[in-house]
Amino acid sequence: MTRFRPCIDLHNGQVKQIVGGTLRDSGAGPRENFVSDRSSAWYAGLYRESSLTGGHVIQLGAGNAEAARDALAAWPGGMQLGGGINIRNAAEWLEAGASQVIVTSWLFDTEGRFRADRLRELASEVGRENIVVDLSCRRTESGWTVAMNRWQTLTNIDVTPATLESLAEWCAEYLVHAADVEGLCQGIDADLVELLGYWAGIPMTYAGGVAGIEDLHLVSDRSGGNVDVTVGSALDIFGGNGVTYEELLAWNARSL
């Protein structure tokens, strides 16, 4: 059954909700839907009190390590950690309390070409069971193409059943943000969800565009219950008015 999984997105050390397609390395800052006056540890503590596991902390750029560590300390073993993960720091983040590490950009060279050897190396270093591969993507002529560098750079990998099958040998889960709808609260990419659910080889979490509880029903229906979902800008604890935290807890209780 489709479950709600929580998230903590960090930008410049603060918990934020942003429009994914506006995140850049330089120039104007991203379009922000919400900037919290609460700490990352407060959110992680809330999730711990609710016994919510399998969520993720994402560092969107530099300046987030302290806030990420605070969140992991508040819910040790309860949340995955992504953003800047590579062979040099993966074990360190696991030791800091991450349940798993989420890796994307390091799996590609500077031109966006996939480096399968790096994924194998990481699996050898920390164990396949501790790796989540982030296949966050944008719609392209070929379907959906994985994007790296905070969704700015398209790679040479498309999200297809063949891709999902081949990479699953070296990771335990997938995280897939639909970057084109991320933060817009205008509905999910149902076609992408259906593709993920059709394959359904290992656990997967979809993020992007959830506007209300009806979108959770849609994820469940279109994926056959095989894909979990996270909710950001529409959620009341992130300043949204589309769905409440209590509604999502009730959703998970019904899915047990």
C-alpha atoms as a PDB file:
ATOM      1  CA  MET A   1       0.000   0.000   0.000  1.00  0.00           C
ATOM      2  CA  THR A   2       1.097   3.551  -0.725  1.00  0.00           C
ATOM      3  CA  ARG A   3       2.442   5.230   2.423  1.00  0.00           C
ATOM      4  CA  PHE A   4       3.133   8.847   3.230  1.00  0.00           C
ATOM      5  CA  ARG A   5       6.822   9.454   3.935  1.00  0.00           C
ATOM      6  CA  PRO A   6       7.971  12.701   5.565  1.00  0.00           C
ATOM      7  CA  CYS A   7      10.651  15.084   4.330  1.00  0.00           C
ATOM      8  CA  ILE A   8      12.893  17.887   5.525  1.00  0.00           C
ATOM      9  CA  ASP A   9      14.300  20.064   2.731  1.00  0.00           C
ATOM     10  CA  LEU A  10      17.212  22.273   3.776  1.00  0.00           C
ATOM     11  CA  HIS A  11      18.413  25.389   1.972  1.00  0.00           C
ATOM     12  CA  ASN A  12      20.983  27.745   3.509  1.00  0.00           C
ATOM     13  CA  GLY A  13      20.544  25.948   6.822  1.00  0.00           C
ATOM     14  CA  GLN A  14      16.787  26.505   7.032  1.00  0.00           C
ATOM     15  CA  VAL A  15      13.822  24.209   6.499  1.00  0.00           C
ATOM     16  CA  LYS A  16      12.180  25.385   3.287  1.00  0.00           C
ATOM     17  CA  GLN A  17       9.794  24.395   0.546  1.00  0.00           C
ATOM     18  CA  ILE A  18      10.865  25.640  -2.867  1.00  0.00           C
ATOM     19  CA  VAL A  19       9.767  25.334  -6.469  1.00  0.00           C
ATOM     20  CA  GLY A  20      12.183  22.687  -7.707  1.00  0.00           C
ATOM     21  CA  GLY A  21      12.729  24.059 -11.186  1.00  0.00           C
ATOM     22  CA  THR A  22      13.935  27.414  -9.817  1.00  0.00           C
ATOM     23  CA  LEU A  23      16.942  26.095  -7.886  1.00  0.00           C
ATOM     24  CA  ARG A  24      20.196  27.446  -9.365  1.00  0.00           C
ATOM     25  CA  ASP A  25      23.878  27.502  -8.433  1.00  0.00           C
ATOM     26  CA  SER A  26      24.156  31.209  -9.155  1.00  0.00           C
ATOM     27  CA  GLY A  27      22.046  34.258  -9.855  1.00  0.00           C
ATOM     28  CA  ALA A  28      18.664  34.824  -8.232  1.00  0.00           C
ATOM     29  CA  GLY A  29      17.720  32.498  -5.411  1.00  0.00           C
ATOM     30  CA  PRO A  30      15.025  29.856  -5.758  1.00  0.00           C
ATOM     31  CA  ARG A  31      11.340  30.650  -5.563  1.00  0.00           C
ATOM     32  CA  GLU A  32      10.373  29.870  -1.982  1.00  0.00           C
ATOM     33  CA  ASN A  33       6.935  28.644  -1.007  1.00  0.00           C
ATOM     34  CA  PHE A  34       7.776  28.443   2.691  1.00  0.00           C
ATOM     35  CA  VAL A  35      10.605  29.244   5.092  1.00  0.00           C
ATOM     36  CA  SER A  36      10.130  27.726   8.537  1.00  0.00           C
ATOM     37  CA  ASP A  37      10.892  29.408  11.833  1.00  0.00           C
ATOM     38  CA  ARG A  38      11.281  25.924  13.318  1.00  0.00           C
ATOM     39  CA  SER A  39      14.475  23.909  13.268  1.00  0.00           C
ATOM     40  CA  SER A  40      15.231  20.751  11.348  1.00  0.00           C
ATOM     41  CA  ALA A  41      15.402  18.944  14.686  1.00  0.00           C
ATOM     42  CA  TRP A  42      11.850  20.040  15.513  1.00  0.00           C
ATOM     43  CA  TYR A  43      10.527  18.413  12.342  1.00  0.00           C
ATOM     44  CA  ALA A  44      12.564  15.259  12.881  1.00  0.00           C
ATOM     45  CA  GLY A  45      11.311  15.078  16.452  1.00  0.00           C
ATOM     46  CA  LEU A  46       7.730  15.395  15.234  1.00  0.00           C
ATOM     47  CA  TYR A  47       8.238  12.520  12.814  1.00  0.00           C
ATOM     48  CA  ARG A  48       9.824  10.461  15.568  1.00  0.00           C
ATOM     49  CA  GLU A  49       6.845  11.049  17.861  1.00  0.00           C
ATOM     50  CA  SER A  50       4.591   9.876  15.030  1.00  0.00           C
ATOM     51  CA  SER A  51       6.778   6.802  14.349  1.00  0.00           C
ATOM     52  CA  LEU A  52       7.211   7.871  10.726  1.00  0.00           C
ATOM     53  CA  THR A  53      10.153   6.075   9.124  1.00  0.00           C
ATOM     54  CA  GLY A  54      11.612   6.089   5.635  1.00  0.00           C
ATOM     55  CA  GLY A  55      11.485   9.846   5.190  1.00  0.00           C
ATOM     56  CA  HIS A  56      14.388  11.942   3.968  1.00  0.00           C
ATOM     57  CA  VAL A  57      16.494  14.974   4.773  1.00  0.00           C
ATOM     58  CA  ILE A  58      17.764  16.699   1.636  1.00  0.00           C
ATOM     59  CA  GLN A  59      20.563  19.264   1.608  1.00  0.00           C
ATOM     60  CA  LEU A  60      19.863  21.638  -1.255  1.00  0.00           C
ATOM     61  CA  GLY A  61      23.339  23.038  -1.724  1.00  0.00           C
ATOM     62  CA  ALA A  62      26.030  24.055   0.746  1.00  0.00           C
ATOM     63  CA  GLY A  63      25.543  25.391   4.252  1.00  0.00           C
ATOM     64  CA  ASN A  64      23.184  22.674   5.463  1.00  0.00           C
ATOM     65  CA  ALA A  65      25.428  20.147   7.207  1.00  0.00           C
ATOM     66  CA  GLU A  66      24.781  21.382  10.746  1.00  0.00           C
ATOM     67  CA  ALA A  67      21.002  21.414  10.265  1.00  0.00           C
ATOM     68  CA  ALA A  68      21.164  17.964   8.667  1.00  0.00           C
ATOM     69  CA  ARG A  69      23.121  16.567  11.605  1.00  0.00           C
ATOM     70  CA  ASP A  70      20.651  18.114  14.037  1.00  0.00           C
ATOM     71  CA  ALA A  71      17.769  16.374  12.268  1.00  0.00           C
ATOM     72  CA  LEU A  72      19.526  13.002  12.259  1.00  0.00           C
ATOM     73  CA  ALA A  73      20.376  13.357  15.945  1.00  0.00           C
ATOM     74  CA  ALA A  74      16.721  14.032  16.725  1.00  0.00           C
ATOM     75  CA  TRP A  75      15.554  10.880  14.886  1.00  0.00           C
ATOM     76  CA  PRO A  76      18.558   8.543  14.715  1.00  0.00           C
ATOM     77  CA  GLY A  77      18.018   5.749  12.226  1.00  0.00           C
ATOM     78  CA  GLY A  78      14.688   7.236  11.247  1.00  0.00           C
ATOM     79  CA  MET A  79      15.499   9.284   8.152  1.00  0.00           C
ATOM     80  CA  GLN A  80      17.540   9.027   4.978  1.00  0.00           C
ATOM     81  CA  LEU A  81      20.075  11.751   4.127  1.00  0.00           C
ATOM     82  CA  GLY A  82      20.746  13.171   0.674  1.00  0.00           C
ATOM     83  CA  GLY A  83      22.605  16.054  -0.894  1.00  0.00           C
ATOM     84  CA  GLY A  84      26.308  15.939  -1.723  1.00  0.00           C
ATOM     85  CA  ILE A  85      26.681  12.233  -0.932  1.00  0.00           C
ATOM     86  CA  ASN A  86      29.798  10.527  -2.319  1.00  0.00           C
ATOM     87  CA  ILE A  87      32.218   7.715  -1.542  1.00  0.00           C
ATOM     88  CA  ARG A  88      34.154   9.906   0.898  1.00  0.00           C
ATOM     89  CA  ASN A  89      31.296  10.949   3.183  1.00  0.00           C
ATOM     90  CA  ALA A  90      28.608   8.249   2.899  1.00  0.00           C
ATOM     91  CA  ALA A  91      29.829   6.214   5.875  1.00  0.00           C
ATOM     92  CA  GLU A  92      30.171   9.376   7.942  1.00  0.00           C
ATOM     93  CA  TRP A  93      26.516  10.289   7.389  1.00  0.00           C
ATOM     94  CA  LEU A  94      25.397   6.770   8.272  1.00  0.00           C
ATOM     95  CA  GLU A  95      27.392   7.046  11.486  1.00  0.00           C
ATOM     96  CA  ALA A  96      25.707  10.407  12.132  1.00  0.00           C
ATOM     97  CA  GLY A  97      22.331   8.659  12.236  1.00  0.00           C
ATOM     98  CA  ALA A  98      21.078   8.421   8.662  1.00  0.00           C
ATOM     99  CA  SER A  99      19.089   5.251   8.026  1.00  0.00           C
ATOM    100  CA  GLN A 100      20.379   5.293   4.428  1.00  0.00           C
ATOM    101  CA  VAL A 101      22.225   7.718   2.162  1.00  0.00           C
ATOM    102  CA  ILE A 102      20.666   9.133  -0.989  1.00  0.00           C
ATOM    103  CA  VAL A 103      23.006   9.588  -3.935  1.00  0.00           C
ATOM    104  CA  THR A 104      22.534  11.313  -7.305  1.00  0.00           C
ATOM    105  CA  SER A 105      25.055  13.709  -8.802  1.00  0.00           C
ATOM    106  CA  TRP A 106      28.157  11.786  -7.712  1.00  0.00           C
ATOM    107  CA  LEU A 107      26.996   8.878  -9.905  1.00  0.00           C
ATOM    108  CA  PHE A 108      27.621  11.008 -13.003  1.00  0.00           C
ATOM    109  CA  ASP A 109      30.643  12.737 -14.493  1.00  0.00           C
ATOM    110  CA  THR A 110      30.683  16.469 -15.187  1.00  0.00           C
ATOM    111  CA  GLU A 111      29.065  15.889 -18.588  1.00  0.00           C
ATOM    112  CA  GLY A 112      26.157  13.979 -17.080  1.00  0.00           C
ATOM    113  CA  ARG A 113      27.318  10.516 -18.142  1.00  0.00           C
ATOM    114  CA  PHE A 114      26.405   7.728 -15.731  1.00  0.00           C
ATOM    115  CA  ARG A 115      29.285   6.055 -13.883  1.00  0.00           C
ATOM    116  CA  ALA A 116      28.106   2.551 -12.968  1.00  0.00           C
ATOM    117  CA  ASP A 117      31.482   1.877 -11.385  1.00  0.00           C
ATOM    118  CA  ARG A 118      30.836   4.538  -8.761  1.00  0.00           C
ATOM    119  CA  LEU A 119      27.550   2.965  -7.700  1.00  0.00           C
ATOM    120  CA  ARG A 120      29.221  -0.423  -7.410  1.00  0.00           C
ATOM    121  CA  GLU A 121      32.054   1.143  -5.421  1.00  0.00           C
ATOM    122  CA  LEU A 122      29.622   2.825  -3.045  1.00  0.00           C
ATOM    123  CA  ALA A 123      27.676  -0.410  -2.545  1.00  0.00           C
ATOM    124  CA  SER A 124      30.932  -2.177  -1.722  1.00  0.00           C
ATOM    125  CA  GLU A 125      31.866   0.573   0.743  1.00  0.00           C
ATOM    126  CA  VAL A 126      28.634   0.926   2.744  1.00  0.00           C
ATOM    127  CA  GLY A 127      26.406  -1.945   1.596  1.00  0.00           C
ATOM    128  CA  ARG A 128      23.628  -2.020  -0.979  1.00  0.00           C
ATOM    129  CA  GLU A 129      21.039  -1.964   1.816  1.00  0.00           C
ATOM    130  CA  ASN A 130      22.218   1.490   2.882  1.00  0.00           C
ATOM    131  CA  ILE A 131      21.883   3.168  -0.530  1.00  0.00           C
ATOM    132  CA  VAL A 132      18.944   5.042  -2.041  1.00  0.00           C
ATOM    133  CA  VAL A 133      19.450   6.148  -5.640  1.00  0.00           C
ATOM    134  CA  ASP A 134      17.779   9.451  -6.461  1.00  0.00           C
ATOM    135  CA  LEU A 135      16.334   9.323  -9.978  1.00  0.00           C
ATOM    136  CA  SER A 136      14.731  12.750  -9.859  1.00  0.00           C
ATOM    137  CA  CYS A 137      13.901  13.732 -13.392  1.00  0.00           C
ATOM    138  CA  ARG A 138      12.420  16.086 -15.945  1.00  0.00           C
ATOM    139  CA  ARG A 139      10.095  15.376 -18.828  1.00  0.00           C
ATOM    140  CA  THR A 140      11.943  15.202 -22.141  1.00  0.00           C
ATOM    141  CA  GLU A 141      11.283  13.909 -25.640  1.00  0.00           C
ATOM    142  CA  SER A 142      12.410  10.453 -24.524  1.00  0.00           C
ATOM    143  CA  GLY A 143      10.074  10.383 -21.523  1.00  0.00           C
ATOM    144  CA  TRP A 144      11.749  11.283 -18.228  1.00  0.00           C
ATOM    145  CA  THR A 145      15.456  12.040 -17.980  1.00  0.00           C
ATOM    146  CA  VAL A 146      17.366  12.004 -14.698  1.00  0.00           C
ATOM    147  CA  ALA A 147      18.610  15.472 -13.717  1.00  0.00           C
ATOM    148  CA  MET A 148      21.585  16.136 -11.436  1.00  0.00           C
ATOM    149  CA  ASN A 149      23.106  19.223  -9.770  1.00  0.00           C
ATOM    150  CA  ARG A 150      19.859  20.162  -8.009  1.00  0.00           C
ATOM    151  CA  TRP A 151      17.860  19.283 -11.132  1.00  0.00           C
ATOM    152  CA  GLN A 152      19.769  21.723 -13.358  1.00  0.00           C
ATOM    153  CA  THR A 153      21.713  19.284 -15.589  1.00  0.00           C
ATOM    154  CA  LEU A 154      20.149  16.528 -17.669  1.00  0.00           C
ATOM    155  CA  THR A 155      22.065  13.248 -17.695  1.00  0.00           C
ATOM    156  CA  ASN A 156      22.261  10.375 -20.177  1.00  0.00           C
ATOM    157  CA  ILE A 157      19.940   8.182 -18.100  1.00  0.00           C
ATOM    158  CA  ASP A 158      16.187   7.925 -18.691  1.00  0.00           C
ATOM    159  CA  VAL A 159      13.758   6.568 -16.119  1.00  0.00           C
ATOM    160  CA  THR A 160      12.612   3.329 -17.722  1.00  0.00           C
ATOM    161  CA  PRO A 161      11.849  -0.174 -16.429  1.00  0.00           C
ATOM    162  CA  ALA A 162      15.225  -1.274 -17.835  1.00  0.00           C
ATOM    163  CA  THR A 163      17.052   1.453 -15.896  1.00  0.00           C
ATOM    164  CA  LEU A 164      15.185   0.637 -12.707  1.00  0.00           C
ATOM    165  CA  GLU A 165      15.974  -3.049 -13.104  1.00  0.00           C
ATOM    166  CA  SER A 166      19.678  -2.567 -13.787  1.00  0.00           C
ATOM    167  CA  LEU A 167      20.404  -0.171 -10.910  1.00  0.00           C
ATOM    168  CA  ALA A 168      18.394  -2.127  -8.337  1.00  0.00           C
ATOM    169  CA  GLU A 169      21.245  -4.600  -8.002  1.00  0.00           C
ATOM    170  CA  TRP A 170      23.254  -1.901  -6.230  1.00  0.00           C
ATOM    171  CA  CYS A 171      20.686  -0.057  -4.100  1.00  0.00           C
ATOM    172  CA  ALA A 172      17.794  -0.726  -1.742  1.00  0.00           C
ATOM    173  CA  GLU A 173      15.380   2.052  -2.740  1.00  0.00           C
ATOM    174  CA  TYR A 174      14.652   4.795  -5.255  1.00  0.00           C
ATOM    175  CA  LEU A 175      13.637   8.394  -4.617  1.00  0.00           C
ATOM    176  CA  VAL A 176      12.061  10.143  -7.595  1.00  0.00           C
ATOM    177  CA  HIS A 177      11.225  13.839  -7.631  1.00  0.00           C
ATOM    178  CA  ALA A 178       9.236  15.006 -10.642  1.00  0.00           C
ATOM    179  CA  ALA A 179      11.240  18.234 -10.869  1.00  0.00           C
ATOM    180  CA  ASP A 180       8.921  19.960 -13.336  1.00  0.00           C
ATOM    181  CA  VAL A 181       5.997  19.895 -10.884  1.00  0.00           C
ATOM    182  CA  GLU A 182       7.957  20.003  -7.611  1.00  0.00           C
ATOM    183  CA  GLY A 183       6.608  22.710  -5.322  1.00  0.00           C
ATOM    184  CA  LEU A 184       3.789  23.818  -7.630  1.00  0.00           C
ATOM    185  CA  CYS A 185       0.938  22.076  -5.739  1.00  0.00           C
ATOM    186  CA  GLN A 186      -0.857  21.583  -9.053  1.00  0.00           C
ATOM    187  CA  GLY A 187      -1.025  17.795  -9.090  1.00  0.00           C
ATOM    188  CA  ILE A 188       1.351  14.883  -9.496  1.00  0.00           C
ATOM    189  CA  ASP A 189       2.909  13.494 -12.661  1.00  0.00           C
ATOM    190  CA  ALA A 190       0.568  10.510 -12.813  1.00  0.00           C
ATOM    191  CA  ASP A 191       2.203   8.991 -15.884  1.00  0.00           C
ATOM    192  CA  LEU A 192       5.562   8.852 -14.117  1.00  0.00           C
ATOM    193  CA  VAL A 193       3.939   7.305 -11.047  1.00  0.00           C
ATOM    194  CA  GLU A 194       2.321   4.667 -13.248  1.00  0.00           C
ATOM    195  CA  LEU A 195       5.662   3.785 -14.841  1.00  0.00           C
ATOM    196  CA  LEU A 196       7.278   3.386 -11.427  1.00  0.00           C
ATOM    197  CA  GLY A 197       4.421   1.299 -10.101  1.00  0.00           C
ATOM    198  CA  TYR A 198       4.433  -0.947 -13.145  1.00  0.00           C
ATOM    199  CA  TRP A 199       8.045  -1.936 -12.455  1.00  0.00           C
ATOM    200  CA  ALA A 200       7.799  -2.139  -8.634  1.00  0.00           C
ATOM    201  CA  GLY A 201      11.030  -4.042  -8.051  1.00  0.00           C
ATOM    202  CA  ILE A 202      12.252  -2.310  -4.857  1.00  0.00           C
ATOM    203  CA  PRO A 203      10.680   0.336  -2.571  1.00  0.00           C
ATOM    204  CA  MET A 204      10.199   3.723  -4.223  1.00  0.00           C
ATOM    205  CA  THR A 205       9.134   7.154  -3.026  1.00  0.00           C
ATOM    206  CA  TYR A 206       7.632   9.738  -5.388  1.00  0.00           C
ATOM    207  CA  ALA A 207       7.719  13.492  -4.728  1.00  0.00           C
ATOM    208  CA  GLY A 208       6.322  16.408  -6.673  1.00  0.00           C
ATOM    209  CA  GLY A 209       3.093  18.327  -7.126  1.00  0.00           C
ATOM    210  CA  VAL A 210       0.901  16.845  -4.411  1.00  0.00           C
ATOM    211  CA  ALA A 211      -1.931  19.333  -3.841  1.00  0.00           C
ATOM    212  CA  GLY A 212      -4.191  17.398  -1.473  1.00  0.00           C
ATOM    213  CA  ILE A 213      -5.268  14.029  -0.182  1.00  0.00           C
ATOM    214  CA  GLU A 214      -6.792  13.206  -3.569  1.00  0.00           C
ATOM    215  CA  ASP A 215      -3.279  13.037  -4.994  1.00  0.00           C
ATOM    216  CA  LEU A 216      -2.376  10.309  -2.513  1.00  0.00           C
ATOM    217  CA  HIS A 217      -5.337   8.335  -3.795  1.00  0.00           C
ATOM    218  CA  LEU A 218      -4.087   8.954  -7.335  1.00  0.00           C
ATOM    219  CA  VAL A 219      -0.561   7.769  -6.504  1.00  0.00           C
ATOM    220  CA  SER A 220      -1.997   4.654  -4.904  1.00  0.00           C
ATOM    221  CA  ASP A 221      -4.327   3.946  -7.833  1.00  0.00           C
ATOM    222  CA  ARG A 222      -1.868   4.646 -10.638  1.00  0.00           C
ATOM    223  CA  SER A 223       0.996   2.748  -8.985  1.00  0.00           C
ATOM    224  CA  GLY A 224      -1.065  -0.173  -7.765  1.00  0.00           C
ATOM    225  CA  GLY A 225      -0.030   0.785  -4.243  1.00  0.00           C
ATOM    226  CA  ASN A 226       3.615   0.100  -5.120  1.00  0.00           C
ATOM    227  CA  VAL A 227       4.931   3.670  -4.752  1.00  0.00           C
ATOM    228  CA  ASP A 228       5.109   5.743  -1.564  1.00  0.00           C
ATOM    229  CA  VAL A 229       4.702   9.514  -1.608  1.00  0.00           C
ATOM    230  CA  THR A 230       6.037  12.558   0.186  1.00  0.00           C
ATOM    231  CA  VAL A 231       4.196  15.852   0.573  1.00  0.00           C
ATOM    232  CA  GLY A 232       5.854  19.245   0.765  1.00  0.00           C
ATOM    233  CA  SER A 233       4.407  22.643  -0.026  1.00  0.00           C
ATOM    234  CA  ALA A 234       0.759  21.567   0.277  1.00  0.00           C
ATOM    235  CA  LEU A 235       1.235  20.316   3.859  1.00  0.00           C
ATOM    236  CA  ASP A 236       0.087  22.464   6.766  1.00  0.00           C
ATOM    237  CA  ILE A 237       3.317  22.045   8.767  1.00  0.00           C
ATOM    238  CA  PHE A 238       5.080  23.641   5.784  1.00  0.00           C
ATOM    239  CA  GLY A 239       2.606  26.503   5.493  1.00  0.00           C
ATOM    240  CA  GLY A 240       0.320  24.762   3.002  1.00  0.00           C
ATOM    241  CA  ASN A 241      -3.440  24.450   3.011  1.00  0.00           C
ATOM    242  CA  GLY A 242      -3.949  21.379   0.840  1.00  0.00           C
ATOM    243  CA  VAL A 243      -3.596  18.602   3.406  1.00  0.00           C
ATOM    244  CA  THR A 244      -2.985  18.352   7.145  1.00  0.00           C
ATOM    245  CA  TYR A 245      -0.359  16.325   8.940  1.00  0.00           C
ATOM    246  CA  GLU A 246      -3.130  14.559  10.864  1.00  0.00           C
ATOM    247  CA  GLU A 247      -4.788  13.519   7.591  1.00  0.00           C
ATOM    248  CA  LEU A 248      -1.529  11.936   6.442  1.00  0.00           C
ATOM    249  CA  LEU A 249      -1.091  10.073   9.717  1.00  0.00           C
ATOM    250  CA  ALA A 250      -4.641   8.762   9.316  1.00  0.00           C
ATOM    251  CA  TRP A 251      -3.798   7.737   5.744  1.00  0.00           C
ATOM    252  CA  ASN A 252      -0.842   5.684   6.961  1.00  0.00           C
ATOM    253  CA  ALA A 253      -2.904   4.102   9.728  1.00  0.00           C
ATOM    254  CA  ARG A 254      -5.488   3.038   7.171  1.00  0.00           C
ATOM    255  CA  SER A 255      -2.743   1.569   4.966  1.00  0.00           C
ATOM    256  CA  LEU A 256      -1.449  -0.776   7.677  1.00  0.00           C
END
